Amino acid sequence: MDSHRGGSVIPLDGVAGWLEIAHTHVRDTFEACIRDSLRDLFTIGEEVPAAAR
């Protein structure tokens, strides 16, 4: 990836994959920070990846 203003340039066909990776990191960080009682409030069912919708 090329650098642009200190960041990375992501090709348009790579945005969905990059967002999926970013979401995974955010979700994993969130899961690591909450207690089981709070986690239960956020659990609706099995999460379906955006690409599978």
PDB file of N, CA and C in Angstrom:
ATOM      1  N   MET A   1       0.836  -1.188   0.000  1.00  0.00           N
ATOM      2  CA  MET A   1       0.000   0.000   0.000  1.00  0.00           C
ATOM      3  C   MET A   1       0.874   1.241   0.000  1.00  0.00           C
ATOM      4  N   ASP A   2       0.437   2.223  -0.720  1.00  0.00           N
ATOM      5  CA  ASP A   2       1.158   3.480  -0.767  1.00  0.00           C
ATOM      6  C   ASP A   2       0.758   4.344   0.422  1.00  0.00           C
ATOM      7  N   SER A   3       1.677   5.213   0.812  1.00  0.00           N
ATOM      8  CA  SER A   3       1.407   6.119   1.921  1.00  0.00           C
ATOM      9  C   SER A   3       0.835   7.424   1.383  1.00  0.00           C
ATOM     10  N   HIS A   4      -0.160   7.962   2.075  1.00  0.00           N
ATOM     11  CA  HIS A   4      -0.779   9.230   1.690  1.00  0.00           C
ATOM     12  C   HIS A   4      -1.128   9.976   2.964  1.00  0.00           C
ATOM     13  N   ARG A   5      -0.508  11.124   3.185  1.00  0.00           N
ATOM     14  CA  ARG A   5      -0.738  11.926   4.387  1.00  0.00           C
ATOM     15  C   ARG A   5      -0.537  11.107   5.665  1.00  0.00           C
ATOM     16  N   GLY A   6       0.445  10.245   5.667  1.00  0.00           N
ATOM     17  CA  GLY A   6       0.752   9.472   6.866  1.00  0.00           C
ATOM     18  C   GLY A   6      -0.081   8.222   7.025  1.00  0.00           C
ATOM     19  N   GLY A   7      -1.045   7.996   6.146  1.00  0.00           N
ATOM     20  CA  GLY A   7      -1.910   6.819   6.235  1.00  0.00           C
ATOM     21  C   GLY A   7      -1.678   5.893   5.061  1.00  0.00           C
ATOM     22  N   SER A   8      -2.491   4.897   4.956  1.00  0.00           N
ATOM     23  CA  SER A   8      -2.382   3.943   3.864  1.00  0.00           C
ATOM     24  C   SER A   8      -3.494   4.168   2.852  1.00  0.00           C
ATOM     25  N   VAL A   9      -3.192   3.908   1.610  1.00  0.00           N
ATOM     26  CA  VAL A   9      -4.179   3.999   0.542  1.00  0.00           C
ATOM     27  C   VAL A   9      -4.704   2.589   0.294  1.00  0.00           C
ATOM     28  N   ILE A  10      -6.001   2.422   0.407  1.00  0.00           N
ATOM     29  CA  ILE A  10      -6.627   1.118   0.201  1.00  0.00           C
ATOM     30  C   ILE A  10      -7.342   1.160  -1.141  1.00  0.00           C
ATOM     31  N   PRO A  11      -7.058   0.212  -2.020  1.00  0.00           N
ATOM     32  CA  PRO A  11      -7.771   0.188  -3.298  1.00  0.00           C
ATOM     33  C   PRO A  11      -9.260  -0.063  -3.057  1.00  0.00           C
ATOM     34  N   LEU A  12     -10.118   0.467  -3.916  1.00  0.00           N
ATOM     35  CA  LEU A  12     -11.558   0.329  -3.729  1.00  0.00           C
ATOM     36  C   LEU A  12     -12.001  -1.122  -3.587  1.00  0.00           C
ATOM     37  N   ASP A  13     -11.368  -2.022  -4.307  1.00  0.00           N
ATOM     38  CA  ASP A  13     -11.783  -3.422  -4.206  1.00  0.00           C
ATOM     39  C   ASP A  13     -11.281  -4.087  -2.924  1.00  0.00           C
ATOM     40  N   GLY A  14     -10.534  -3.358  -2.098  1.00  0.00           N
ATOM     41  CA  GLY A  14     -10.055  -3.893  -0.835  1.00  0.00           C
ATOM     42  C   GLY A  14     -10.750  -3.305   0.390  1.00  0.00           C
ATOM     43  N   VAL A  15     -11.677  -2.368   0.170  1.00  0.00           N
ATOM     44  CA  VAL A  15     -12.325  -1.680   1.282  1.00  0.00           C
ATOM     45  C   VAL A  15     -13.167  -2.631   2.123  1.00  0.00           C
ATOM     46  N   ALA A  16     -13.957  -3.479   1.501  1.00  0.00           N
ATOM     47  CA  ALA A  16     -14.826  -4.397   2.256  1.00  0.00           C
ATOM     48  C   ALA A  16     -13.999  -5.315   3.151  1.00  0.00           C
ATOM     49  N   GLY A  17     -12.920  -5.834   2.634  1.00  0.00           N
ATOM     50  CA  GLY A  17     -12.053  -6.699   3.435  1.00  0.00           C
ATOM     51  C   GLY A  17     -11.413  -5.946   4.582  1.00  0.00           C
ATOM     52  N   TRP A  18     -10.973  -4.728   4.309  1.00  0.00           N
ATOM     53  CA  TRP A  18     -10.360  -3.903   5.355  1.00  0.00           C
ATOM     54  C   TRP A  18     -11.371  -3.597   6.450  1.00  0.00           C
ATOM     55  N   LEU A  19     -12.611  -3.266   6.073  1.00  0.00           N
ATOM     56  CA  LEU A  19     -13.648  -2.976   7.063  1.00  0.00           C
ATOM     57  C   LEU A  19     -13.978  -4.209   7.899  1.00  0.00           C
ATOM     58  N   GLU A  20     -13.995  -5.367   7.288  1.00  0.00           N
ATOM     59  CA  GLU A  20     -14.258  -6.607   8.027  1.00  0.00           C
ATOM     60  C   GLU A  20     -13.166  -6.855   9.072  1.00  0.00           C
ATOM     61  N   ILE A  21     -11.914  -6.629   8.687  1.00  0.00           N
ATOM     62  CA  ILE A  21     -10.798  -6.788   9.622  1.00  0.00           C
ATOM     63  C   ILE A  21     -10.910  -5.758  10.753  1.00  0.00           C
ATOM     64  N   ALA A  22     -11.208  -4.504  10.401  1.00  0.00           N
ATOM     65  CA  ALA A  22     -11.341  -3.451  11.415  1.00  0.00           C
ATOM     66  C   ALA A  22     -12.475  -3.776  12.379  1.00  0.00           C
ATOM     67  N   HIS A  23     -13.604  -4.239  11.853  1.00  0.00           N
ATOM     68  CA  HIS A  23     -14.745  -4.592  12.699  1.00  0.00           C
ATOM     69  C   HIS A  23     -14.382  -5.728  13.643  1.00  0.00           C
ATOM     70  N   THR A  24     -13.644  -6.698  13.155  1.00  0.00           N
ATOM     71  CA  THR A  24     -13.216  -7.824  13.990  1.00  0.00           C
ATOM     72  C   THR A  24     -12.365  -7.327  15.153  1.00  0.00           C
ATOM     73  N   HIS A  25     -11.451  -6.409  14.887  1.00  0.00           N
ATOM     74  CA  HIS A  25     -10.601  -5.868  15.952  1.00  0.00           C
ATOM     75  C   HIS A  25     -11.423  -5.073  16.971  1.00  0.00           C
ATOM     76  N   VAL A  26     -12.361  -4.269  16.486  1.00  0.00           N
ATOM     77  CA  VAL A  26     -13.210  -3.491  17.394  1.00  0.00           C
ATOM     78  C   VAL A  26     -14.055  -4.435  18.244  1.00  0.00           C
ATOM     79  N   ARG A  27     -14.654  -5.444  17.614  1.00  0.00           N
ATOM     80  CA  ARG A  27     -15.486  -6.402  18.347  1.00  0.00           C
ATOM     81  C   ARG A  27     -14.666  -7.160  19.392  1.00  0.00           C
ATOM     82  N   ASP A  28     -13.478  -7.619  19.008  1.00  0.00           N
ATOM     83  CA  ASP A  28     -12.626  -8.359  19.943  1.00  0.00           C
ATOM     84  C   ASP A  28     -12.212  -7.487  21.132  1.00  0.00           C
ATOM     85  N   THR A  29     -11.913  -6.219  20.876  1.00  0.00           N
ATOM     86  CA  THR A  29     -11.545  -5.295  21.951  1.00  0.00           C
ATOM     87  C   THR A  29     -12.729  -5.056  22.874  1.00  0.00           C
ATOM     88  N   PHE A  30     -13.897  -4.843  22.296  1.00  0.00           N
ATOM     89  CA  PHE A  30     -15.116  -4.659  23.081  1.00  0.00           C
ATOM     90  C   PHE A  30     -15.380  -5.889  23.948  1.00  0.00           C
ATOM     91  N   GLU A  31     -15.311  -7.063  23.358  1.00  0.00           N
ATOM     92  CA  GLU A  31     -15.551  -8.310  24.089  1.00  0.00           C
ATOM     93  C   GLU A  31     -14.567  -8.483  25.245  1.00  0.00           C
ATOM     94  N   ALA A  32     -13.338  -8.056  25.054  1.00  0.00           N
ATOM     95  CA  ALA A  32     -12.325  -8.193  26.097  1.00  0.00           C
ATOM     96  C   ALA A  32     -12.557  -7.222  27.255  1.00  0.00           C
ATOM     97  N   CYS A  33     -13.351  -6.179  27.034  1.00  0.00           N
ATOM     98  CA  CYS A  33     -13.534  -5.132  28.041  1.00  0.00           C
ATOM     99  C   CYS A  33     -14.813  -5.268  28.858  1.00  0.00           C
ATOM    100  N   ILE A  34     -15.732  -6.131  28.451  1.00  0.00           N
ATOM    101  CA  ILE A  34     -17.005  -6.190  29.167  1.00  0.00           C
ATOM    102  C   ILE A  34     -17.123  -7.459  29.997  1.00  0.00           C
ATOM    103  N   ARG A  35     -18.018  -7.423  30.966  1.00  0.00           N
ATOM    104  CA  ARG A  35     -18.305  -8.580  31.806  1.00  0.00           C
ATOM    105  C   ARG A  35     -19.355  -9.453  31.128  1.00  0.00           C
ATOM    106  N   ASP A  36     -19.459 -10.697  31.571  1.00  0.00           N
ATOM    107  CA  ASP A  36     -20.423 -11.626  30.991  1.00  0.00           C
ATOM    108  C   ASP A  36     -21.860 -11.124  31.091  1.00  0.00           C
ATOM    109  N   SER A  37     -22.215 -10.490  32.199  1.00  0.00           N
ATOM    110  CA  SER A  37     -23.588  -9.997  32.371  1.00  0.00           C
ATOM    111  C   SER A  37     -23.932  -8.938  31.321  1.00  0.00           C
ATOM    112  N   LEU A  38     -22.981  -8.069  31.000  1.00  0.00           N
ATOM    113  CA  LEU A  38     -23.212  -7.063  29.968  1.00  0.00           C
ATOM    114  C   LEU A  38     -23.164  -7.704  28.581  1.00  0.00           C
ATOM    115  N   ARG A  39     -22.260  -8.638  28.385  1.00  0.00           N
ATOM    116  CA  ARG A  39     -22.153  -9.340  27.105  1.00  0.00           C
ATOM    117  C   ARG A  39     -23.492  -9.997  26.751  1.00  0.00           C
ATOM    118  N   ASP A  40     -24.164 -10.561  27.753  1.00  0.00           N
ATOM    119  CA  ASP A  40     -25.455 -11.209  27.513  1.00  0.00           C
ATOM    120  C   ASP A  40     -26.495 -10.228  26.973  1.00  0.00           C
ATOM    121  N   LEU A  41     -26.431  -8.967  27.397  1.00  0.00           N
ATOM    122  CA  LEU A  41     -27.366  -7.965  26.888  1.00  0.00           C
ATOM    123  C   LEU A  41     -27.156  -7.684  25.403  1.00  0.00           C
ATOM    124  N   PHE A  42     -25.933  -7.830  24.927  1.00  0.00           N
ATOM    125  CA  PHE A  42     -25.607  -7.540  23.533  1.00  0.00           C
ATOM    126  C   PHE A  42     -25.709  -8.765  22.632  1.00  0.00           C
ATOM    127  N   THR A  43     -25.912  -9.942  23.208  1.00  0.00           N
ATOM    128  CA  THR A  43     -25.939 -11.169  22.425  1.00  0.00           C
ATOM    129  C   THR A  43     -27.348 -11.402  21.895  1.00  0.00           C
ATOM    130  N   ILE A  44     -27.499 -11.282  20.584  1.00  0.00           N
ATOM    131  CA  ILE A  44     -28.787 -11.490  19.929  1.00  0.00           C
ATOM    132  C   ILE A  44     -28.843 -12.903  19.354  1.00  0.00           C
ATOM    133  N   GLY A  45     -27.774 -13.342  18.834  1.00  0.00           N
ATOM    134  CA  GLY A  45     -27.668 -14.650  18.197  1.00  0.00           C
ATOM    135  C   GLY A  45     -26.327 -14.723  17.519  1.00  0.00           C
ATOM    136  N   GLU A  46     -26.165 -15.690  16.664  1.00  0.00           N
ATOM    137  CA  GLU A  46     -24.895 -15.830  15.956  1.00  0.00           C
ATOM    138  C   GLU A  46     -24.730 -14.679  14.978  1.00  0.00           C
ATOM    139  N   GLU A  47     -23.576 -14.037  15.034  1.00  0.00           N
ATOM    140  CA  GLU A  47     -23.294 -12.902  14.163  1.00  0.00           C
ATOM    141  C   GLU A  47     -22.980 -13.399  12.765  1.00  0.00           C
ATOM    142  N   VAL A  48     -23.567 -12.740  11.760  1.00  0.00           N
ATOM    143  CA  VAL A  48     -23.347 -13.099  10.365  1.00  0.00           C
ATOM    144  C   VAL A  48     -22.444 -12.052   9.733  1.00  0.00           C
ATOM    145  N   PRO A  49     -21.301 -12.470   9.143  1.00  0.00           N
ATOM    146  CA  PRO A  49     -20.406 -11.502   8.499  1.00  0.00           C
ATOM    147  C   PRO A  49     -21.141 -10.723   7.402  1.00  0.00           C
ATOM    148  N   ALA A  50     -20.772  -9.465   7.213  1.00  0.00           N
ATOM    149  CA  ALA A  50     -21.428  -8.602   6.220  1.00  0.00           C
ATOM    150  C   ALA A  50     -21.404  -9.220   4.824  1.00  0.00           C
ATOM    151  N   ALA A  51     -20.331  -9.881   4.472  1.00  0.00           N
ATOM    152  CA  ALA A  51     -20.204 -10.465   3.139  1.00  0.00           C
ATOM    153  C   ALA A  51     -21.222 -11.592   2.919  1.00  0.00           C
ATOM    154  N   ALA A  52     -21.698 -12.201   3.991  1.00  0.00           N
ATOM    155  CA  ALA A  52     -22.629 -13.330   3.875  1.00  0.00           C
ATOM    156  C   ALA A  52     -24.089 -12.883   3.859  1.00  0.00           C
ATOM    157  N   ARG A  53     -24.342 -11.595   4.051  1.00  0.00           N
ATOM    158  CA  ARG A  53     -25.730 -11.096   4.075  1.00  0.00           C
ATOM    159  C   ARG A  53     -26.291 -10.942   2.708  1.00  0.00           C
TER     160      ARG A  53
END
